[in-house]
Amino acid sequence: LTQQLAKNLFLTEERTMKRKLQEMELAFWLERKHSKNEILELYLNR
């Protein structure tokens, strides 16, 4: 869910390895910056 949120917030829908790696890196950043419940709430609203 964190990766999906990172893609929805910051990235495009292109299916490339580069985009996937960016998605992972942003997912780690989101997990460090926000709590699980905050991430889930952001996901459900976006």
All heavy atoms as atom14 arrays in JSON, in Angstrom:
{
  "sequence": "LTQQLAKNLFLTEERTMKRKLQEMELAFWLERKHSKNEILELYLNR",
  "atom14_mask": [
    [1, 1, 1, 1, 1, 1, 1, 1, 0, 0, 0, 0, 0, 0],
    [1, 1, 1, 1, 1, 1, 1, 0, 0, 0, 0, 0, 0, 0],
    [1, 1, 1, 1, 1, 1, 1, 1, 1, 0, 0, 0, 0, 0],
    [1, 1, 1, 1, 1, 1, 1, 1, 1, 0, 0, 0, 0, 0],
    [1, 1, 1, 1, 1, 1, 1, 1, 0, 0, 0, 0, 0, 0],
    [1, 1, 1, 1, 1, 0, 0, 0, 0, 0, 0, 0, 0, 0],
    [1, 1, 1, 1, 1, 1, 1, 1, 1, 0, 0, 0, 0, 0],
    [1, 1, 1, 1, 1, 1, 1, 1, 0, 0, 0, 0, 0, 0],
    [1, 1, 1, 1, 1, 1, 1, 1, 0, 0, 0, 0, 0, 0],
    [1, 1, 1, 1, 1, 1, 1, 1, 1, 1, 1, 0, 0, 0],
    [1, 1, 1, 1, 1, 1, 1, 1, 0, 0, 0, 0, 0, 0],
    [1, 1, 1, 1, 1, 1, 1, 0, 0, 0, 0, 0, 0, 0],
    [1, 1, 1, 1, 1, 1, 1, 1, 1, 0, 0, 0, 0, 0],
    [1, 1, 1, 1, 1, 1, 1, 1, 1, 0, 0, 0, 0, 0],
    [1, 1, 1, 1, 1, 1, 1, 1, 1, 1, 1, 0, 0, 0],
    [1, 1, 1, 1, 1, 1, 1, 0, 0, 0, 0, 0, 0, 0],
    [1, 1, 1, 1, 1, 1, 1, 1, 0, 0, 0, 0, 0, 0],
    [1, 1, 1, 1, 1, 1, 1, 1, 1, 0, 0, 0, 0, 0],
    [1, 1, 1, 1, 1, 1, 1, 1, 1, 1, 1, 0, 0, 0],
    [1, 1, 1, 1, 1, 1, 1, 1, 1, 0, 0, 0, 0, 0],
    [1, 1, 1, 1, 1, 1, 1, 1, 0, 0, 0, 0, 0, 0],
    [1, 1, 1, 1, 1, 1, 1, 1, 1, 0, 0, 0, 0, 0],
    [1, 1, 1, 1, 1, 1, 1, 1, 1, 0, 0, 0, 0, 0],
    [1, 1, 1, 1, 1, 1, 1, 1, 0, 0, 0, 0, 0, 0],
    [1, 1, 1, 1, 1, 1, 1, 1, 1, 0, 0, 0, 0, 0],
    [1, 1, 1, 1, 1, 1, 1, 1, 0, 0, 0, 0, 0, 0],
    [1, 1, 1, 1, 1, 0, 0, 0, 0, 0, 0, 0, 0, 0],
    [1, 1, 1, 1, 1, 1, 1, 1, 1, 1, 1, 0, 0, 0],
    [1, 1, 1, 1, 1, 1, 1, 1, 1, 1, 1, 1, 1, 1],
    [1, 1, 1, 1, 1, 1, 1, 1, 0, 0, 0, 0, 0, 0],
    [1, 1, 1, 1, 1, 1, 1, 1, 1, 0, 0, 0, 0, 0],
    [1, 1, 1, 1, 1, 1, 1, 1, 1, 1, 1, 0, 0, 0],
    [1, 1, 1, 1, 1, 1, 1, 1, 1, 0, 0, 0, 0, 0],
    [1, 1, 1, 1, 1, 1, 1, 1, 1, 1, 0, 0, 0, 0],
    [1, 1, 1, 1, 1, 1, 0, 0, 0, 0, 0, 0, 0, 0],
    [1, 1, 1, 1, 1, 1, 1, 1, 1, 0, 0, 0, 0, 0],
    [1, 1, 1, 1, 1, 1, 1, 1, 0, 0, 0, 0, 0, 0],
    [1, 1, 1, 1, 1, 1, 1, 1, 1, 0, 0, 0, 0, 0],
    [1, 1, 1, 1, 1, 1, 1, 1, 0, 0, 0, 0, 0, 0],
    [1, 1, 1, 1, 1, 1, 1, 1, 0, 0, 0, 0, 0, 0],
    [1, 1, 1, 1, 1, 1, 1, 1, 1, 0, 0, 0, 0, 0],
    [1, 1, 1, 1, 1, 1, 1, 1, 0, 0, 0, 0, 0, 0],
    [1, 1, 1, 1, 1, 1, 1, 1, 1, 1, 1, 1, 0, 0],
    [1, 1, 1, 1, 1, 1, 1, 1, 0, 0, 0, 0, 0, 0],
    [1, 1, 1, 1, 1, 1, 1, 1, 0, 0, 0, 0, 0, 0],
    [1, 1, 1, 1, 1, 1, 1, 1, 1, 1, 1, 0, 0, 0]
  ],
  "atom14_positions": [
    [[0.83, -1.21, 0.0], [0.0, 0.0, 0.0], [0.87, 1.26, 0.0], [0.53, 2.26, -0.63], [-0.93, 0.0, 1.22], [-2.05, -1.04, 1.25], [-2.87, -0.89, 2.52], [-2.93, -0.92, 0.03], [0.0, 0.0, 0.0], [0.0, 0.0, 0.0], [0.0, 0.0, 0.0], [0.0, 0.0, 0.0], [0.0, 0.0, 0.0], [0.0, 0.0, 0.0]],
    [[2.0, 1.18, 0.71], [2.9, 2.33, 0.75], [3.49, 2.61, -0.63], [3.6, 3.77, -1.04], [4.03, 2.1, 1.76], [3.48, 1.62, 2.99], [4.8, 3.37, 2.02], [0.0, 0.0, 0.0], [0.0, 0.0, 0.0], [0.0, 0.0, 0.0], [0.0, 0.0, 0.0], [0.0, 0.0, 0.0], [0.0, 0.0, 0.0], [0.0, 0.0, 0.0]],
    [[3.87, 1.56, -1.34], [4.39, 1.73, -2.69], [3.31, 2.31, -3.62], [3.59, 3.18, -4.44], [4.89, 0.4, -3.23], [6.2, -0.08, -2.61], [6.62, -1.43, -3.15], [6.38, -2.46, -2.52], [7.22, -1.44, -4.31], [0.0, 0.0, 0.0], [0.0, 0.0, 0.0], [0.0, 0.0, 0.0], [0.0, 0.0, 0.0], [0.0, 0.0, 0.0]],
    [[2.1, 1.81, -3.5], [1.01, 2.33, -4.33], [0.76, 3.81, -4.05], [0.52, 4.59, -4.96], [-0.26, 1.52, -4.08], [-0.18, 0.07, -4.53], [-1.46, -0.69, -4.26], [-2.55, -0.18, -4.46], [-1.34, -1.92, -3.77], [0.0, 0.0, 0.0], [0.0, 0.0, 0.0], [0.0, 0.0, 0.0], [0.0, 0.0, 0.0], [0.0, 0.0, 0.0]],
    [[0.82, 4.17, -2.77], [0.64, 5.58, -2.41], [1.76, 6.43, -2.99], [1.52, 7.53, -3.51], [0.59, 5.73, -0.89], [0.46, 7.16, -0.36], [-0.85, 7.79, -0.84], [0.55, 7.18, 1.16], [0.0, 0.0, 0.0], [0.0, 0.0, 0.0], [0.0, 0.0, 0.0], [0.0, 0.0, 0.0], [0.0, 0.0, 0.0], [0.0, 0.0, 0.0]],
    [[3.0, 5.93, -2.91], [4.13, 6.67, -3.47], [3.95, 6.88, -4.96], [4.22, 7.98, -5.49], [5.43, 5.91, -3.19], [0.0, 0.0, 0.0], [0.0, 0.0, 0.0], [0.0, 0.0, 0.0], [0.0, 0.0, 0.0], [0.0, 0.0, 0.0], [0.0, 0.0, 0.0], [0.0, 0.0, 0.0], [0.0, 0.0, 0.0], [0.0, 0.0, 0.0]],
    [[3.48, 5.86, -5.65], [3.25, 5.99, -7.09], [2.15, 7.01, -7.38], [2.29, 7.86, -8.27], [2.88, 4.63, -7.68], [2.61, 4.66, -9.18], [2.11, 3.32, -9.67], [0.72, 3.04, -9.16], [0.14, 1.79, -9.72], [0.0, 0.0, 0.0], [0.0, 0.0, 0.0], [0.0, 0.0, 0.0], [0.0, 0.0, 0.0], [0.0, 0.0, 0.0]],
    [[1.06, 6.93, -6.62], [-0.06, 7.85, -6.85], [0.31, 9.3, -6.57], [-0.17, 10.22, -7.24], [-1.25, 7.44, -5.99], [-1.85, 6.12, -6.4], [-1.68, 5.68, -7.55], [-2.55, 5.46, -5.49], [0.0, 0.0, 0.0], [0.0, 0.0, 0.0], [0.0, 0.0, 0.0], [0.0, 0.0, 0.0], [0.0, 0.0, 0.0], [0.0, 0.0, 0.0]],
    [[1.16, 9.5, -5.57], [1.49, 10.87, -5.17], [2.57, 11.5, -6.03], [2.5, 12.69, -6.35], [1.93, 10.89, -3.71], [0.88, 10.56, -2.65], [1.51, 10.59, -1.26], [-0.3, 11.52, -2.72], [0.0, 0.0, 0.0], [0.0, 0.0, 0.0], [0.0, 0.0, 0.0], [0.0, 0.0, 0.0], [0.0, 0.0, 0.0], [0.0, 0.0, 0.0]],
    [[3.58, 10.72, -6.4], [4.79, 11.32, -6.96], [5.17, 10.83, -8.36], [5.94, 11.5, -9.03], [5.98, 11.07, -6.04], [5.77, 11.51, -4.62], [5.66, 10.58, -3.59], [5.67, 12.85, -4.3], [5.48, 10.98, -2.28], [5.47, 13.27, -3.0], [5.38, 12.33, -1.98], [0.0, 0.0, 0.0], [0.0, 0.0, 0.0], [0.0, 0.0, 0.0]],
    [[4.67, 9.68, -8.79], [5.19, 9.06, -10.0], [4.1, 8.89, -11.06], [2.93, 9.15, -10.82], [5.81, 7.69, -9.67], [6.92, 7.71, -8.62], [7.34, 6.29, -8.27], [8.12, 8.52, -9.12], [0.0, 0.0, 0.0], [0.0, 0.0, 0.0], [0.0, 0.0, 0.0], [0.0, 0.0, 0.0], [0.0, 0.0, 0.0], [0.0, 0.0, 0.0]],
    [[4.53, 8.44, -12.24], [3.61, 8.19, -13.34], [3.23, 6.71, -13.36], [3.68, 5.92, -12.53], [4.27, 8.56, -14.68], [5.41, 7.7, -14.91], [4.73, 10.01, -14.65], [0.0, 0.0, 0.0], [0.0, 0.0, 0.0], [0.0, 0.0, 0.0], [0.0, 0.0, 0.0], [0.0, 0.0, 0.0], [0.0, 0.0, 0.0], [0.0, 0.0, 0.0]],
    [[2.41, 6.33, -14.36], [1.95, 4.96, -14.47], [2.85, 4.1, -15.36], [2.52, 2.95, -15.64], [0.53, 4.94, -15.04], [-0.52, 5.56, -14.13], [-0.78, 4.72, -12.89], [-0.52, 3.51, -12.93], [-1.22, 5.29, -11.88], [0.0, 0.0, 0.0], [0.0, 0.0, 0.0], [0.0, 0.0, 0.0], [0.0, 0.0, 0.0], [0.0, 0.0, 0.0]],
    [[4.0, 4.63, -15.81], [4.85, 3.86, -16.71], [5.39, 2.62, -16.01], [5.67, 2.62, -14.81], [6.01, 4.73, -17.21], [6.93, 5.22, -16.1], [8.1, 6.01, -16.65], [8.35, 5.9, -17.86], [8.76, 6.72, -15.88], [0.0, 0.0, 0.0], [0.0, 0.0, 0.0], [0.0, 0.0, 0.0], [0.0, 0.0, 0.0], [0.0, 0.0, 0.0]],
    [[5.49, 1.55, -16.78], [5.96, 0.28, -16.24], [7.43, 0.07, -16.63], [7.75, -0.55, -17.64], [5.12, -0.88, -16.79], [3.67, -0.84, -16.32], [2.86, -1.96, -16.96], [1.51, -2.01, -16.46], [1.1, -2.7, -15.41], [1.99, -3.43, -14.75], [-0.15, -2.7, -15.02], [0.0, 0.0, 0.0], [0.0, 0.0, 0.0], [0.0, 0.0, 0.0]],
    [[8.34, 0.63, -15.83], [9.76, 0.49, -16.06], [10.45, 0.14, -14.74], [9.92, 0.39, -13.66], [10.37, 1.78, -16.63], [10.2, 2.84, -15.66], [9.68, 2.19, -17.92], [0.0, 0.0, 0.0], [0.0, 0.0, 0.0], [0.0, 0.0, 0.0], [0.0, 0.0, 0.0], [0.0, 0.0, 0.0], [0.0, 0.0, 0.0], [0.0, 0.0, 0.0]],
    [[11.64, -0.43, -14.85], [12.4, -0.77, -13.66], [12.81, 0.49, -12.9], [12.83, 0.51, -11.66], [13.65, -1.57, -14.05], [14.49, -2.01, -12.86], [13.55, -3.05, -11.69], [13.31, -4.51, -12.71], [0.0, 0.0, 0.0], [0.0, 0.0, 0.0], [0.0, 0.0, 0.0], [0.0, 0.0, 0.0], [0.0, 0.0, 0.0], [0.0, 0.0, 0.0]],
    [[13.12, 1.54, -13.63], [13.49, 2.8, -12.99], [12.35, 3.31, -12.12], [12.55, 3.71, -10.97], [13.86, 3.82, -14.06], [14.15, 5.22, -13.51], [14.42, 6.18, -14.66], [14.56, 7.6, -14.16], [14.78, 8.57, -15.26], [0.0, 0.0, 0.0], [0.0, 0.0, 0.0], [0.0, 0.0, 0.0], [0.0, 0.0, 0.0], [0.0, 0.0, 0.0]],
    [[11.12, 3.3, -12.67], [9.98, 3.77, -11.89], [9.73, 2.89, -10.68], [9.4, 3.36, -9.6], [8.74, 3.8, -12.79], [7.62, 4.71, -12.27], [6.66, 3.98, -11.35], [5.93, 2.95, -12.04], [5.29, 1.97, -11.43], [5.33, 1.87, -10.12], [4.66, 1.04, -12.12], [0.0, 0.0, 0.0], [0.0, 0.0, 0.0], [0.0, 0.0, 0.0]],
    [[9.94, 1.58, -10.82], [9.75, 0.66, -9.71], [10.74, 0.93, -8.6], [10.4, 0.91, -7.4], [9.86, -0.79, -10.2], [9.29, -1.81, -9.24], [7.79, -1.69, -9.16], [7.2, -2.76, -8.26], [5.73, -2.61, -8.14], [0.0, 0.0, 0.0], [0.0, 0.0, 0.0], [0.0, 0.0, 0.0], [0.0, 0.0, 0.0], [0.0, 0.0, 0.0]],
    [[11.99, 1.19, -8.96], [13.0, 1.49, -7.95], [12.71, 2.82, -7.26], [12.9, 2.96, -6.05], [14.38, 1.51, -8.6], [14.89, 0.15, -9.13], [16.19, 0.33, -9.91], [15.09, -0.83, -7.98], [0.0, 0.0, 0.0], [0.0, 0.0, 0.0], [0.0, 0.0, 0.0], [0.0, 0.0, 0.0], [0.0, 0.0, 0.0], [0.0, 0.0, 0.0]],
    [[12.27, 3.8, -8.04], [11.88, 5.07, -7.43], [10.72, 4.88, -6.46], [10.67, 5.48, -5.39], [11.49, 6.07, -8.53], [12.64, 6.57, -9.36], [12.18, 7.48, -10.48], [11.06, 7.34, -10.98], [13.04, 8.41, -10.9], [0.0, 0.0, 0.0], [0.0, 0.0, 0.0], [0.0, 0.0, 0.0], [0.0, 0.0, 0.0], [0.0, 0.0, 0.0]],
    [[9.8, 4.04, -6.85], [8.65, 3.74, -5.99], [9.1, 3.15, -4.66], [8.6, 3.53, -3.59], [7.73, 2.78, -6.74], [6.52, 2.3, -5.98], [5.75, 1.26, -6.76], [5.21, 1.6, -7.84], [5.7, 0.1, -6.32], [0.0, 0.0, 0.0], [0.0, 0.0, 0.0], [0.0, 0.0, 0.0], [0.0, 0.0, 0.0], [0.0, 0.0, 0.0]],
    [[10.07, 2.22, -4.7], [10.58, 1.61, -3.47], [11.27, 2.63, -2.59], [11.07, 2.66, -1.37], [11.54, 0.46, -3.82], [10.89, -0.73, -4.47], [12.1, -2.03, -4.81], [11.04, -3.32, -5.47], [0.0, 0.0, 0.0], [0.0, 0.0, 0.0], [0.0, 0.0, 0.0], [0.0, 0.0, 0.0], [0.0, 0.0, 0.0], [0.0, 0.0, 0.0]],
    [[12.1, 3.48, -3.21], [12.82, 4.48, -2.44], [11.85, 5.45, -1.76], [12.01, 5.8, -0.59], [13.79, 5.23, -3.35], [14.71, 6.19, -2.61], [15.81, 6.73, -3.5], [16.11, 6.1, -4.53], [16.36, 7.79, -3.16], [0.0, 0.0, 0.0], [0.0, 0.0, 0.0], [0.0, 0.0, 0.0], [0.0, 0.0, 0.0], [0.0, 0.0, 0.0]],
    [[10.81, 5.87, -2.49], [9.82, 6.78, -1.92], [8.99, 6.09, -0.84], [8.55, 6.73, 0.13], [8.91, 7.31, -3.02], [9.55, 8.3, -3.99], [8.64, 8.56, -5.18], [9.9, 9.6, -3.29], [0.0, 0.0, 0.0], [0.0, 0.0, 0.0], [0.0, 0.0, 0.0], [0.0, 0.0, 0.0], [0.0, 0.0, 0.0], [0.0, 0.0, 0.0]],
    [[8.79, 4.78, -1.0], [8.04, 4.03, 0.02], [8.81, 4.03, 1.34], [8.21, 4.2, 2.42], [7.78, 2.6, -0.46], [0.0, 0.0, 0.0], [0.0, 0.0, 0.0], [0.0, 0.0, 0.0], [0.0, 0.0, 0.0], [0.0, 0.0, 0.0], [0.0, 0.0, 0.0], [0.0, 0.0, 0.0], [0.0, 0.0, 0.0], [0.0, 0.0, 0.0]],
    [[10.12, 3.82, 1.28], [10.93, 3.88, 2.5], [10.85, 5.27, 3.14], [10.77, 5.41, 4.37], [12.39, 3.53, 2.19], [12.62, 2.06, 1.95], [13.21, 1.61, 0.78], [12.23, 1.11, 2.89], [13.42, 0.26, 0.56], [12.45, -0.24, 2.68], [13.03, -0.66, 1.5], [0.0, 0.0, 0.0], [0.0, 0.0, 0.0], [0.0, 0.0, 0.0]],
    [[10.86, 6.31, 2.29], [10.77, 7.67, 2.82], [9.43, 7.91, 3.51], [9.38, 8.51, 4.58], [10.99, 8.66, 1.68], [10.77, 10.08, 2.09], [11.64, 10.88, 2.77], [9.6, 10.87, 1.87], [11.08, 12.13, 2.98], [9.83, 12.15, 2.44], [8.39, 10.63, 1.23], [8.88, 13.16, 2.39], [7.45, 11.64, 1.18], [7.7, 12.89, 1.76]],
    [[8.36, 7.45, 2.89], [7.04, 7.62, 3.49], [6.94, 6.9, 4.83], [6.37, 7.43, 5.8], [5.96, 7.1, 2.53], [5.62, 7.98, 1.32], [4.69, 7.23, 0.36], [4.96, 9.28, 1.77], [0.0, 0.0, 0.0], [0.0, 0.0, 0.0], [0.0, 0.0, 0.0], [0.0, 0.0, 0.0], [0.0, 0.0, 0.0], [0.0, 0.0, 0.0]],
    [[7.49, 5.71, 4.89], [7.44, 4.94, 6.14], [8.23, 5.62, 7.24], [7.88, 5.54, 8.42], [7.98, 3.52, 5.91], [7.09, 2.64, 5.04], [5.97, 2.0, 5.84], [6.01, 2.06, 7.09], [5.03, 1.45, 5.23], [0.0, 0.0, 0.0], [0.0, 0.0, 0.0], [0.0, 0.0, 0.0], [0.0, 0.0, 0.0], [0.0, 0.0, 0.0]],
    [[9.33, 6.28, 6.86], [10.14, 6.96, 7.87], [9.46, 8.25, 8.34], [9.56, 8.62, 9.51], [11.52, 7.27, 7.28], [12.47, 7.95, 8.27], [13.8, 8.25, 7.61], [13.66, 9.19, 6.52], [13.64, 10.52, 6.68], [13.72, 11.04, 7.91], [13.52, 11.32, 5.65], [0.0, 0.0, 0.0], [0.0, 0.0, 0.0], [0.0, 0.0, 0.0]],
    [[8.75, 8.92, 7.42], [8.18, 10.23, 7.74], [6.8, 10.14, 8.38], [6.41, 11.01, 9.16], [8.11, 11.07, 6.46], [7.7, 12.52, 6.69], [7.78, 13.31, 5.39], [7.4, 14.77, 5.59], [8.32, 15.48, 6.5], [0.0, 0.0, 0.0], [0.0, 0.0, 0.0], [0.0, 0.0, 0.0], [0.0, 0.0, 0.0], [0.0, 0.0, 0.0]],
    [[6.02, 9.1, 8.05], [4.64, 9.01, 8.52], [4.39, 7.69, 9.23], [5.06, 6.68, 8.95], [3.66, 9.14, 7.34], [3.77, 10.42, 6.59], [3.18, 11.59, 7.03], [4.41, 10.72, 5.43], [3.44, 12.56, 6.17], [4.19, 12.07, 5.19], [0.0, 0.0, 0.0], [0.0, 0.0, 0.0], [0.0, 0.0, 0.0], [0.0, 0.0, 0.0]],
    [[3.41, 7.7, 10.11], [3.02, 6.47, 10.79], [2.2, 5.59, 9.85], [1.74, 6.04, 8.79], [2.19, 6.8, 12.03], [0.94, 7.36, 11.66], [0.0, 0.0, 0.0], [0.0, 0.0, 0.0], [0.0, 0.0, 0.0], [0.0, 0.0, 0.0], [0.0, 0.0, 0.0], [0.0, 0.0, 0.0], [0.0, 0.0, 0.0], [0.0, 0.0, 0.0]],
    [[1.99, 4.34, 10.24], [1.21, 3.41, 9.42], [-0.22, 3.91, 9.21], [-0.76, 3.85, 8.1], [1.2, 2.03, 10.07], [2.5, 1.26, 9.95], [2.72, 0.8, 8.53], [3.94, -0.11, 8.42], [4.19, -0.56, 7.04], [0.0, 0.0, 0.0], [0.0, 0.0, 0.0], [0.0, 0.0, 0.0], [0.0, 0.0, 0.0], [0.0, 0.0, 0.0]],
    [[-0.83, 4.41, 10.26], [-2.21, 4.88, 10.13], [-2.3, 6.12, 9.25], [-3.26, 6.3, 8.51], [-2.8, 5.17, 11.51], [-3.15, 3.9, 12.26], [-3.23, 2.82, 11.68], [-3.36, 4.02, 13.56], [0.0, 0.0, 0.0], [0.0, 0.0, 0.0], [0.0, 0.0, 0.0], [0.0, 0.0, 0.0], [0.0, 0.0, 0.0], [0.0, 0.0, 0.0]],
    [[-1.29, 6.98, 9.33], [-1.28, 8.15, 8.46], [-1.14, 7.74, 7.0], [-1.79, 8.31, 6.11], [-0.14, 9.09, 8.85], [-0.36, 9.81, 10.18], [0.85, 10.61, 10.61], [1.96, 10.34, 10.09], [0.69, 11.51, 11.45], [0.0, 0.0, 0.0], [0.0, 0.0, 0.0], [0.0, 0.0, 0.0], [0.0, 0.0, 0.0], [0.0, 0.0, 0.0]],
    [[-0.3, 6.76, 6.74], [-0.13, 6.27, 5.37], [-1.43, 5.65, 4.86], [-1.86, 5.89, 3.73], [1.03, 5.25, 5.3], [2.37, 5.96, 5.54], [1.04, 4.52, 3.97], [3.55, 5.04, 5.66], [0.0, 0.0, 0.0], [0.0, 0.0, 0.0], [0.0, 0.0, 0.0], [0.0, 0.0, 0.0], [0.0, 0.0, 0.0], [0.0, 0.0, 0.0]],
    [[-2.07, 4.85, 5.69], [-3.32, 4.21, 5.29], [-4.41, 5.25, 5.03], [-5.18, 5.14, 4.07], [-3.77, 3.23, 6.38], [-5.01, 2.39, 6.08], [-4.83, 1.59, 4.79], [-5.32, 1.46, 7.24], [0.0, 0.0, 0.0], [0.0, 0.0, 0.0], [0.0, 0.0, 0.0], [0.0, 0.0, 0.0], [0.0, 0.0, 0.0], [0.0, 0.0, 0.0]],
    [[-4.48, 6.27, 5.85], [-5.47, 7.32, 5.66], [-5.21, 8.1, 4.37], [-6.14, 8.4, 3.62], [-5.46, 8.27, 6.86], [-6.51, 9.37, 6.8], [-6.51, 10.23, 8.04], [-6.58, 9.67, 9.16], [-6.43, 11.48, 7.9], [0.0, 0.0, 0.0], [0.0, 0.0, 0.0], [0.0, 0.0, 0.0], [0.0, 0.0, 0.0], [0.0, 0.0, 0.0]],
    [[-3.93, 8.42, 4.12], [-3.59, 9.08, 2.87], [-3.97, 8.23, 1.68], [-4.51, 8.72, 0.68], [-2.08, 9.36, 2.84], [-1.58, 10.69, 3.4], [-0.07, 10.7, 3.45], [-2.1, 11.85, 2.57], [0.0, 0.0, 0.0], [0.0, 0.0, 0.0], [0.0, 0.0, 0.0], [0.0, 0.0, 0.0], [0.0, 0.0, 0.0], [0.0, 0.0, 0.0]],
    [[-3.69, 6.95, 1.77], [-3.99, 6.02, 0.67], [-5.49, 6.0, 0.37], [-5.92, 6.13, -0.78], [-3.49, 4.63, 1.03], [-3.85, 3.56, 0.02], [-3.05, 3.35, -1.1], [-4.98, 2.77, 0.17], [-3.36, 2.38, -2.03], [-5.3, 1.8, -0.75], [-4.5, 1.6, -1.85], [-4.83, 0.64, -2.78], [0.0, 0.0, 0.0], [0.0, 0.0, 0.0]],
    [[-6.31, 5.86, 1.39], [-7.75, 5.76, 1.21], [-8.34, 7.05, 0.64], [-9.36, 7.01, -0.06], [-8.44, 5.41, 2.53], [-8.12, 4.02, 3.09], [-8.75, 3.85, 4.47], [-8.61, 2.93, 2.14], [0.0, 0.0, 0.0], [0.0, 0.0, 0.0], [0.0, 0.0, 0.0], [0.0, 0.0, 0.0], [0.0, 0.0, 0.0], [0.0, 0.0, 0.0]],
    [[-7.71, 8.18, 0.91], [-8.23, 9.45, 0.43], [-7.66, 9.87, -0.92], [-8.09, 10.89, -1.48], [-7.96, 10.56, 1.45], [-8.89, 10.5, 2.63], [-10.1, 10.57, 2.49], [-8.33, 10.36, 3.82], [0.0, 0.0, 0.0], [0.0, 0.0, 0.0], [0.0, 0.0, 0.0], [0.0, 0.0, 0.0], [0.0, 0.0, 0.0], [0.0, 0.0, 0.0]],
    [[-6.7, 9.1, -1.47], [-6.08, 9.48, -2.73], [-6.21, 8.44, -3.84], [-6.03, 8.76, -5.01], [-4.59, 9.77, -2.52], [-4.31, 11.01, -1.68], [-4.86, 12.27, -2.35], [-4.48, 13.49, -1.64], [-3.43, 14.22, -1.93], [-2.62, 13.87, -2.9], [-3.17, 15.32, -1.24], [0.0, 0.0, 0.0], [0.0, 0.0, 0.0], [0.0, 0.0, 0.0]]
  ]
}
